[in-house]
Every structure is written in structure tokens, then in C-alpha cells.
PDB file of N, CA and C in Angstrom:
ATOM      1  N   MET A   1     -13.136  -6.064 -12.006  1.00  0.00           N
ATOM      2  CA  MET A   1     -13.509  -4.973 -10.402  1.00  0.00           C
ATOM      3  C   MET A   1     -14.052  -6.227 -10.232  1.00  0.00           C
ATOM      4  N   ALA A   2     -14.137  -6.926  -9.237  1.00  0.00           N
ATOM      5  CA  ALA A   2     -15.699  -8.287  -8.735  1.00  0.00           C
ATOM      6  C   ALA A   2     -16.387  -7.718  -7.689  1.00  0.00           C
ATOM      7  N   ASN A   3     -16.159  -7.144  -7.271  1.00  0.00           N
ATOM      8  CA  ASN A   3     -16.567  -6.546  -5.487  1.00  0.00           C
ATOM      9  C   ASN A   3     -15.605  -5.668  -4.648  1.00  0.00           C
ATOM     10  N   VAL A   4     -16.450  -4.976  -3.874  1.00  0.00           N
ATOM     11  CA  VAL A   4     -15.366  -4.288  -2.728  1.00  0.00           C
ATOM     12  C   VAL A   4     -14.996  -5.119  -1.771  1.00  0.00           C
ATOM     13  N   ARG A   5     -15.377  -6.563  -1.670  1.00  0.00           N
ATOM     14  CA  ARG A   5     -14.465  -7.277  -0.606  1.00  0.00           C
ATOM     15  C   ARG A   5     -13.136  -7.825  -1.008  1.00  0.00           C
ATOM     16  N   ASP A   6     -12.923  -7.792  -2.621  1.00  0.00           N
ATOM     17  CA  ASP A   6     -11.902  -8.389  -3.470  1.00  0.00           C
ATOM     18  C   ASP A   6     -11.027  -7.376  -2.767  1.00  0.00           C
ATOM     19  N   LEU A   7     -11.419  -6.079  -3.780  1.00  0.00           N
ATOM     20  CA  LEU A   7     -10.927  -4.289  -3.419  1.00  0.00           C
ATOM     21  C   LEU A   7      -9.542  -4.259  -2.486  1.00  0.00           C
ATOM     22  N   LYS A   8     -10.936  -5.013  -1.244  1.00  0.00           N
ATOM     23  CA  LYS A   8     -10.345  -4.492   0.011  1.00  0.00           C
ATOM     24  C   LYS A   8      -8.450  -5.701   0.631  1.00  0.00           C
ATOM     25  N   LYS A   9      -9.020  -7.139   0.167  1.00  0.00           N
ATOM     26  CA  LYS A   9      -8.342  -7.747  -0.029  1.00  0.00           C
ATOM     27  C   LYS A   9      -7.299  -7.203  -1.323  1.00  0.00           C
ATOM     28  N   ASP A  10      -7.667  -7.202  -1.861  1.00  0.00           N
ATOM     29  CA  ASP A  10      -6.095  -6.215  -2.407  1.00  0.00           C
ATOM     30  C   ASP A  10      -4.968  -5.456  -2.173  1.00  0.00           C
ATOM     31  N   ILE A  11      -5.911  -5.101  -1.291  1.00  0.00           N
ATOM     32  CA  ILE A  11      -4.792  -3.629  -1.274  1.00  0.00           C
ATOM     33  C   ILE A  11      -5.020  -4.004   0.912  1.00  0.00           C
ATOM     34  N   ASN A  12      -4.828  -4.772   0.918  1.00  0.00           N
ATOM     35  CA  ASN A  12      -4.564  -5.317   2.154  1.00  0.00           C
ATOM     36  C   ASN A  12      -2.837  -6.303   1.749  1.00  0.00           C
ATOM     37  N   TYR A  13      -3.500  -7.064   0.989  1.00  0.00           N
ATOM     38  CA  TYR A  13      -1.475  -7.992   0.928  1.00  0.00           C
ATOM     39  C   TYR A  13      -1.656  -7.277  -0.553  1.00  0.00           C
ATOM     40  N   VAL A  14      -1.334  -5.997  -1.146  1.00  0.00           N
ATOM     41  CA  VAL A  14       0.053  -5.338  -1.869  1.00  0.00           C
ATOM     42  C   VAL A  14       0.172  -5.497  -0.722  1.00  0.00           C
ATOM     43  N   LEU A  15       0.019  -3.648   0.461  1.00  0.00           N
ATOM     44  CA  LEU A  15       0.645  -3.446   1.141  1.00  0.00           C
ATOM     45  C   LEU A  15       1.349  -4.294   2.468  1.00  0.00           C
ATOM     46  N   GLY A  16       0.691  -5.083   2.734  1.00  0.00           N
ATOM     47  CA  GLY A  16       0.599  -6.454   3.503  1.00  0.00           C
ATOM     48  C   GLY A  16       2.449  -6.724   2.617  1.00  0.00           C
ATOM     49  N   ASP A  17       2.115  -7.440   1.534  1.00  0.00           N
ATOM     50  CA  ASP A  17       3.387  -7.604   0.637  1.00  0.00           C
ATOM     51  C   ASP A  17       4.542  -6.393   0.772  1.00  0.00           C
ATOM     52  N   ILE A  18       4.592  -5.301   1.371  1.00  0.00           N
ATOM     53  CA  ILE A  18       5.693  -4.164   0.802  1.00  0.00           C
ATOM     54  C   ILE A  18       5.950  -3.629   1.971  1.00  0.00           C
ATOM     55  N   ILE A  19       4.828  -4.286   3.134  1.00  0.00           N
ATOM     56  CA  ILE A  19       5.631  -4.233   4.726  1.00  0.00           C
ATOM     57  C   ILE A  19       6.878  -5.333   5.071  1.00  0.00           C
ATOM     58  N   GLU A  20       5.974  -7.217   4.524  1.00  0.00           N
ATOM     59  CA  GLU A  20       6.550  -7.987   4.706  1.00  0.00           C
ATOM     60  C   GLU A  20       8.438  -7.425   3.649  1.00  0.00           C
ATOM     61  N   ALA A  21       8.059  -7.254   2.829  1.00  0.00           N
ATOM     62  CA  ALA A  21       9.688  -6.771   2.079  1.00  0.00           C
ATOM     63  C   ALA A  21      10.176  -6.223   2.941  1.00  0.00           C
ATOM     64  N   VAL A  22      10.278  -4.546   3.382  1.00  0.00           N
ATOM     65  CA  VAL A  22      10.738  -4.053   3.999  1.00  0.00           C
ATOM     66  C   VAL A  22      11.087  -5.101   4.742  1.00  0.00           C
ATOM     67  N   TYR A  23      10.621  -5.636   5.901  1.00  0.00           N
ATOM     68  CA  TYR A  23      10.805  -6.273   7.431  1.00  0.00           C
ATOM     69  C   TYR A  23      11.814  -7.148   6.941  1.00  0.00           C
ATOM     70  N   VAL A  24      11.934  -7.699   5.762  1.00  0.00           N
ATOM     71  CA  VAL A  24      12.736  -9.166   5.657  1.00  0.00           C
ATOM     72  C   VAL A  24      14.223  -7.732   4.616  1.00  0.00           C
ATOM     73  N   TRP A  25      13.976  -7.211   4.176  1.00  0.00           N
ATOM     74  CA  TRP A  25      15.137  -6.125   4.184  1.00  0.00           C
ATOM     75  C   TRP A  25      16.387  -5.598   5.541  1.00  0.00           C
ATOM     76  N   GLU A  26      15.269  -5.720   6.282  1.00  0.00           N
ATOM     77  CA  GLU A  26      16.323  -4.931   7.810  1.00  0.00           C
ATOM     78  C   GLU A  26      16.262  -6.147   8.601  1.00  0.00           C
ATOM     79  N   TYR A  27      16.402  -7.393   8.301  1.00  0.00           N
ATOM     80  CA  TYR A  27      16.564  -8.921   8.791  1.00  0.00           C
ATOM     81  C   TYR A  27      17.552  -8.766   7.758  1.00  0.00           C
ATOM     82  N   SER A  28      17.602  -8.596   7.350  1.00  0.00           N
ATOM     83  CA  SER A  28      19.335  -8.399   5.753  1.00  0.00           C
ATOM     84  C   SER A  28      20.197  -7.984   5.768  1.00  0.00           C
ATOM     85  N   ASN A  29      19.896  -6.785   6.444  1.00  0.00           N
ATOM     86  CA  ASN A  29      20.429  -5.459   6.260  1.00  0.00           C
ATOM     87  C   ASN A  29      20.184  -4.564   7.516  1.00  0.00           C
ATOM     88  N   THR A  30      21.179  -5.808   9.417  1.00  0.00           N
ATOM     89  CA  THR A  30      20.591  -5.401   9.938  1.00  0.00           C
ATOM     90  C   THR A  30      21.920  -4.443  10.562  1.00  0.00           C
ATOM     91  N   ASP A  31      22.766  -3.817  10.068  1.00  0.00           N
ATOM     92  CA  ASP A  31      24.130  -3.489  10.352  1.00  0.00           C
ATOM     93  C   ASP A  31      23.316  -2.157   9.885  1.00  0.00           C
ATOM     94  N   LYS A  32      22.558  -1.588   8.991  1.00  0.00           N
ATOM     95  CA  LYS A  32      21.644  -0.398   7.782  1.00  0.00           C
ATOM     96  C   LYS A  32      21.212   0.440   9.452  1.00  0.00           C
ATOM     97  N   ASP A  33      20.822   1.815   9.115  1.00  0.00           N
ATOM     98  CA  ASP A  33      20.253   1.850   9.280  1.00  0.00           C
ATOM     99  C   ASP A  33      18.326   2.208   9.878  1.00  0.00           C
ATOM    100  N   THR A  34      18.067   1.885  10.343  1.00  0.00           N
ATOM    101  CA  THR A  34      16.596   1.635   9.661  1.00  0.00           C
ATOM    102  C   THR A  34      15.294   2.607   9.723  1.00  0.00           C
ATOM    103  N   LYS A  35      15.720   4.142   9.472  1.00  0.00           N
ATOM    104  CA  LYS A  35      14.349   5.486   9.568  1.00  0.00           C
ATOM    105  C   LYS A  35      14.575   5.216   8.934  1.00  0.00           C
ATOM    106  N   LYS A  36      14.393   4.836   7.423  1.00  0.00           N
ATOM    107  CA  LYS A  36      14.163   4.875   5.782  1.00  0.00           C
ATOM    108  C   LYS A  36      13.132   4.522   6.010  1.00  0.00           C
ATOM    109  N   SER A  37      13.813   2.158   5.900  1.00  0.00           N
ATOM    110  CA  SER A  37      12.686   1.765   6.010  1.00  0.00           C
ATOM    111  C   SER A  37      11.220   1.693   6.944  1.00  0.00           C
ATOM    112  N   GLU A  38      11.639   2.350   8.027  1.00  0.00           N
ATOM    113  CA  GLU A  38      10.440   2.120   9.108  1.00  0.00           C
ATOM    114  C   GLU A  38       9.007   3.865   8.134  1.00  0.00           C
ATOM    115  N   ALA A  39       9.881   4.657   7.912  1.00  0.00           N
ATOM    116  CA  ALA A  39       9.006   5.775   7.119  1.00  0.00           C
ATOM    117  C   ALA A  39       8.339   4.727   6.049  1.00  0.00           C
ATOM    118  N   ILE A  40       9.204   3.844   6.020  1.00  0.00           N
ATOM    119  CA  ILE A  40       8.386   3.449   4.283  1.00  0.00           C
ATOM    120  C   ILE A  40       7.407   2.185   5.306  1.00  0.00           C
ATOM    121  N   ILE A  41       7.588   1.980   5.765  1.00  0.00           N
ATOM    122  CA  ILE A  41       6.045   1.218   6.880  1.00  0.00           C
ATOM    123  C   ILE A  41       5.113   2.091   7.182  1.00  0.00           C
ATOM    124  N   ASP A  42       5.333   3.467   7.960  1.00  0.00           N
ATOM    125  CA  ASP A  42       4.703   3.952   8.008  1.00  0.00           C
ATOM    126  C   ASP A  42       3.739   4.531   6.854  1.00  0.00           C
ATOM    127  N   GLU A  43       4.763   4.154   6.501  1.00  0.00           N
ATOM    128  CA  GLU A  43       3.837   5.442   4.529  1.00  0.00           C
ATOM    129  C   GLU A  43       3.048   4.058   4.533  1.00  0.00           C
ATOM    130  N   ALA A  44       3.075   3.390   4.081  1.00  0.00           N
ATOM    131  CA  ALA A  44       2.555   2.095   3.736  1.00  0.00           C
ATOM    132  C   ALA A  44       1.031   1.992   4.627  1.00  0.00           C
ATOM    133  N   ILE A  45       1.105   2.107   5.753  1.00  0.00           N
ATOM    134  CA  ILE A  45      -0.167   2.165   6.733  1.00  0.00           C
ATOM    135  C   ILE A  45      -0.951   3.379   6.565  1.00  0.00           C
ATOM    136  N   ALA A  46      -0.659   4.704   7.070  1.00  0.00           N
ATOM    137  CA  ALA A  46      -0.937   5.996   5.598  1.00  0.00           C
ATOM    138  C   ALA A  46      -1.847   5.175   5.010  1.00  0.00           C
ATOM    139  N   THR A  47      -0.944   4.772   3.843  1.00  0.00           N
ATOM    140  CA  THR A  47      -1.468   4.496   2.721  1.00  0.00           C
ATOM    141  C   THR A  47      -3.058   3.474   2.757  1.00  0.00           C
ATOM    142  N   PHE A  48      -2.873   2.804   3.424  1.00  0.00           N
ATOM    143  CA  PHE A  48      -4.023   1.491   3.519  1.00  0.00           C
ATOM    144  C   PHE A  48      -4.925   1.970   4.409  1.00  0.00           C
ATOM    145  N   ASP A  49      -4.804   2.696   5.510  1.00  0.00           N
ATOM    146  CA  ASP A  49      -6.041   3.523   5.769  1.00  0.00           C
ATOM    147  C   ASP A  49      -6.467   4.520   5.109  1.00  0.00           C
ATOM    148  N   GLU A  50      -6.041   5.385   4.063  1.00  0.00           N
ATOM    149  CA  GLU A  50      -6.450   5.734   3.202  1.00  0.00           C
ATOM    150  C   GLU A  50      -7.401   5.463   2.321  1.00  0.00           C
ATOM    151  N   LEU A  51      -6.881   4.515   1.226  1.00  0.00           N
ATOM    152  CA  LEU A  51      -7.635   4.065   0.393  1.00  0.00           C
ATOM    153  C   LEU A  51      -8.327   2.511   1.376  1.00  0.00           C
ATOM    154  N   ILE A  52      -8.514   2.430   2.303  1.00  0.00           N
ATOM    155  CA  ILE A  52      -9.527   1.537   3.000  1.00  0.00           C
ATOM    156  C   ILE A  52     -10.524   2.976   3.366  1.00  0.00           C
ATOM    157  N   ALA A  53     -10.045   3.766   3.985  1.00  0.00           N
ATOM    158  CA  ALA A  53     -11.311   4.542   4.341  1.00  0.00           C
ATOM    159  C   ALA A  53     -11.975   5.426   2.935  1.00  0.00           C
ATOM    160  N   LYS A  54     -11.773   5.347   1.330  1.00  0.00           N
ATOM    161  CA  LYS A  54     -12.018   5.441   0.118  1.00  0.00           C
ATOM    162  C   LYS A  54     -12.794   4.884  -0.269  1.00  0.00           C
ATOM    163  N   VAL A  55     -12.555   3.128  -0.098  1.00  0.00           N
ATOM    164  CA  VAL A  55     -13.404   2.268  -0.392  1.00  0.00           C
ATOM    165  C   VAL A  55     -15.422   2.082   0.632  1.00  0.00           C
ATOM    166  N   ASN A  56     -14.745   2.646   1.730  1.00  0.00           N
ATOM    167  CA  ASN A  56     -16.175   2.479   2.797  1.00  0.00           C
ATOM    168  C   ASN A  56     -16.841   3.639   2.399  1.00  0.00           C
ATOM    169  N   ALA A  57     -16.058   4.967   1.736  1.00  0.00           N
ATOM    170  CA  ALA A  57     -17.354   6.012   1.104  1.00  0.00           C
ATOM    171  C   ALA A  57     -18.763   5.458   1.029  1.00  0.00           C
ATOM    172  N   LYS A  58     -19.595   6.253   1.332  1.00  0.00           N
ATOM    173  CA  LYS A  58     -20.551   5.843   1.365  1.00  0.00           C
ATOM    174  C   LYS A  58     -21.417   6.553   0.000  1.00  0.00           C
ATOM    175  N   ASN A  59     -20.618   8.365   0.070  1.00  0.00           N
ATOM    176  CA  ASN A  59     -22.197   8.800  -1.351  1.00  0.00           C
ATOM    177  C   ASN A  59     -20.708   8.688  -2.200  1.00  0.00           C
ATOM    178  N   VAL A  60     -21.054   7.805  -3.099  1.00  0.00           N
ATOM    179  CA  VAL A  60     -20.427   7.793  -4.202  1.00  0.00           C
ATOM    180  C   VAL A  60     -20.821   7.788  -5.327  1.00  0.00           C
ATOM    181  N   GLU A  61     -20.741   9.035  -6.113  1.00  0.00           N
ATOM    182  CA  GLU A  61     -22.130   9.761  -7.321  1.00  0.00           C
ATOM    183  C   GLU A  61     -21.392   7.579  -8.302  1.00  0.00           C
ATOM    184  N   ASN A  62     -20.624   7.919  -9.013  1.00  0.00           N
ATOM    185  CA  ASN A  62     -20.710   6.455  -9.307  1.00  0.00           C
ATOM    186  C   ASN A  62     -19.370   5.357  -9.347  1.00  0.00           C
ATOM    187  N   PRO A  63     -20.035   4.481  -8.396  1.00  0.00           N
ATOM    188  CA  PRO A  63     -19.444   3.162  -7.720  1.00  0.00           C
ATOM    189  C   PRO A  63     -18.827   2.635  -8.922  1.00  0.00           C
ATOM    190  N   LYS A  64     -18.488   2.527  -9.734  1.00  0.00           N
ATOM    191  CA  LYS A  64     -17.828   1.491 -10.645  1.00  0.00           C
ATOM    192  C   LYS A  64     -16.470   2.661 -10.528  1.00  0.00           C
ATOM    193  N   ALA A  65     -16.843   3.572 -11.342  1.00  0.00           N
ATOM    194  CA  ALA A  65     -15.543   5.032 -11.269  1.00  0.00           C
ATOM    195  C   ALA A  65     -14.381   5.178 -10.757  1.00  0.00           C
ATOM    196  N   HIS A  66     -15.140   5.097  -9.460  1.00  0.00           N
ATOM    197  CA  HIS A  66     -14.234   5.278  -7.789  1.00  0.00           C
ATOM    198  C   HIS A  66     -13.826   3.955  -7.523  1.00  0.00           C
ATOM    199  N   PHE A  67     -14.150   3.231  -7.574  1.00  0.00           N
ATOM    200  CA  PHE A  67     -13.531   1.817  -7.880  1.00  0.00           C
ATOM    201  C   PHE A  67     -12.372   1.860  -8.259  1.00  0.00           C
ATOM    202  N   LYS A  68     -12.772   1.864  -9.103  1.00  0.00           N
ATOM    203  CA  LYS A  68     -11.901   1.552 -10.748  1.00  0.00           C
ATOM    204  C   LYS A  68     -10.485   2.882  -9.755  1.00  0.00           C
ATOM    205  N   ALA A  69     -10.342   4.061  -9.718  1.00  0.00           N
ATOM    206  CA  ALA A  69      -9.663   4.660  -9.380  1.00  0.00           C
ATOM    207  C   ALA A  69      -9.279   5.076  -8.066  1.00  0.00           C
ATOM    208  N   ILE A  70      -9.700   3.711  -7.202  1.00  0.00           N
ATOM    209  CA  ILE A  70      -9.091   3.114  -5.809  1.00  0.00           C
ATOM    210  C   ILE A  70      -7.967   2.457  -6.477  1.00  0.00           C
ATOM    211  N   ASN A  71      -8.566   1.388  -7.007  1.00  0.00           N
ATOM    212  CA  ASN A  71      -7.691   0.981  -7.802  1.00  0.00           C
ATOM    213  C   ASN A  71      -5.945   0.670  -8.330  1.00  0.00           C
ATOM    214  N   LYS A  72      -6.116   1.717  -9.425  1.00  0.00           N
ATOM    215  CA  LYS A  72      -5.357   2.337  -9.992  1.00  0.00           C
ATOM    216  C   LYS A  72      -3.783   3.356  -8.543  1.00  0.00           C
ATOM    217  N   GLU A  73      -4.705   4.062  -7.914  1.00  0.00           N
ATOM    218  CA  GLU A  73      -4.121   4.771  -6.845  1.00  0.00           C
ATOM    219  C   GLU A  73      -3.513   3.576  -5.878  1.00  0.00           C
ATOM    220  N   LEU A  74      -4.487   2.211  -5.878  1.00  0.00           N
ATOM    221  CA  LEU A  74      -3.476   1.804  -5.177  1.00  0.00           C
ATOM    222  C   LEU A  74      -1.980   1.034  -6.068  1.00  0.00           C
ATOM    223  N   GLU A  75      -2.064   0.954  -7.347  1.00  0.00           N
ATOM    224  CA  GLU A  75      -0.725   0.451  -8.106  1.00  0.00           C
ATOM    225  C   GLU A  75      -0.052   1.626  -8.079  1.00  0.00           C
ATOM    226  N   THR A  76      -0.201   2.573  -8.293  1.00  0.00           N
ATOM    227  CA  THR A  76       0.554   3.720  -8.276  1.00  0.00           C
ATOM    228  C   THR A  76       1.471   3.959  -7.026  1.00  0.00           C
ATOM    229  N   LYS A  77       1.107   3.426  -5.398  1.00  0.00           N
ATOM    230  CA  LYS A  77       1.514   4.493  -4.784  1.00  0.00           C
ATOM    231  C   LYS A  77       1.394   2.418  -4.158  1.00  0.00           C
ATOM    232  N   GLY A  78       1.534   1.715  -4.874  1.00  0.00           N
ATOM    233  CA  GLY A  78       2.402   0.312  -4.548  1.00  0.00           C
ATOM    234  C   GLY A  78       3.428   0.284  -5.047  1.00  0.00           C
ATOM    235  N   LYS A  79       3.730   0.907  -5.935  1.00  0.00           N
ATOM    236  CA  LYS A  79       4.992   0.654  -7.145  1.00  0.00           C
ATOM    237  C   LYS A  79       5.580   1.485  -6.804  1.00  0.00           C
ATOM    238  N   ALA A  80       4.995   3.557  -5.882  1.00  0.00           N
ATOM    239  CA  ALA A  80       6.164   4.311  -5.659  1.00  0.00           C
ATOM    240  C   ALA A  80       6.829   3.463  -3.697  1.00  0.00           C
ATOM    241  N   LEU A  81       5.981   2.918  -3.233  1.00  0.00           N
ATOM    242  CA  LEU A  81       6.955   2.321  -2.232  1.00  0.00           C
ATOM    243  C   LEU A  81       8.143   1.204  -2.481  1.00  0.00           C
ATOM    244  N   ILE A  82       7.593   0.264  -3.688  1.00  0.00           N
ATOM    245  CA  ILE A  82       9.031  -0.777  -4.140  1.00  0.00           C
ATOM    246  C   ILE A  82       9.369  -0.017  -4.629  1.00  0.00           C
ATOM    247  N   ASP A  83       9.029   1.378  -5.516  1.00  0.00           N
ATOM    248  CA  ASP A  83      10.758   1.859  -5.617  1.00  0.00           C
ATOM    249  C   ASP A  83      11.735   2.511  -4.439  1.00  0.00           C
ATOM    250  N   LYS A  84      10.747   2.289  -3.722  1.00  0.00           N
ATOM    251  CA  LYS A  84      11.594   2.739  -2.392  1.00  0.00           C
ATOM    252  C   LYS A  84      12.691   2.213  -1.623  1.00  0.00           C
ATOM    253  N   ILE A  85      11.702   0.865  -1.133  1.00  0.00           N
ATOM    254  CA  ILE A  85      12.359  -0.331  -0.593  1.00  0.00           C
ATOM    255  C   ILE A  85      13.940  -0.096  -1.817  1.00  0.00           C
ATOM    256  N   ASN A  86      13.354  -0.151  -3.062  1.00  0.00           N
ATOM    257  CA  ASN A  86      14.787  -1.215  -3.677  1.00  0.00           C
ATOM    258  C   ASN A  86      15.785  -0.408  -3.607  1.00  0.00           C
ATOM    259  N   LYS A  87      15.213   1.571  -3.420  1.00  0.00           N
ATOM    260  CA  LYS A  87      16.317   2.501  -3.126  1.00  0.00           C
ATOM    261  C   LYS A  87      17.116   2.809  -1.546  1.00  0.00           C
ATOM    262  N   LEU A  88      17.110   1.545  -0.831  1.00  0.00           N
ATOM    263  CA  LEU A  88      17.087   1.730   0.195  1.00  0.00           C
ATOM    264  C   LEU A  88      18.569   0.291   0.316  1.00  0.00           C
ATOM    265  N   GLY A  89      19.230   1.783   1.214  1.00  0.00           N
ATOM    266  CA  GLY A  89      20.969   1.221   0.883  1.00  0.00           C
ATOM    267  C   GLY A  89      21.504   0.181   1.948  1.00  0.00           C
TER     268      GLY A  89
END
């Protein structure tokens, strides 16, 4: 983990790419209902807000472990959102 700025960029890029993938799916599946895809976008935005709040937390005992846990959570939640996109029918 290089620094906080890089972690924030990673969060932004990963969740931004997920949202973009949902928009691409919606664009290429105009005949399908978008309620599930919109829920994925909402979940990605909520995840972004949650992770950025954790990054900005000031009273952290072990910063290195804290940021490593945030990075792991980003990976886990990102994969879960990607799985949801793949299951859109």
C-alpha cells in the first residue's frame, strides 16, 4: 500500500468501472428491466461512500492494518458487484 491517495484512487477506479459496466449492460439490453442494474449502481455508490469514510477516519490505532483491511474489503465487495452484473439477464 503506497499511500492514502492511491487507495482513494483505487476505490474510485474500481467502483467507477463497475458502474460503467452496468451502464454498458443497460445500453446493450434496452429491452430488459433496469431495476436490478440500478440497484447495483446504488450499491456501488453506497460502497464508495462507506469505503471513503473509512479511509478518512482519523482515530486509527494501526493505520497500515486499517488500510490493508479497506483494500481487502474493496476487493471483496467489488467482486460481489461484478458477480451481480454477470448474473443480470
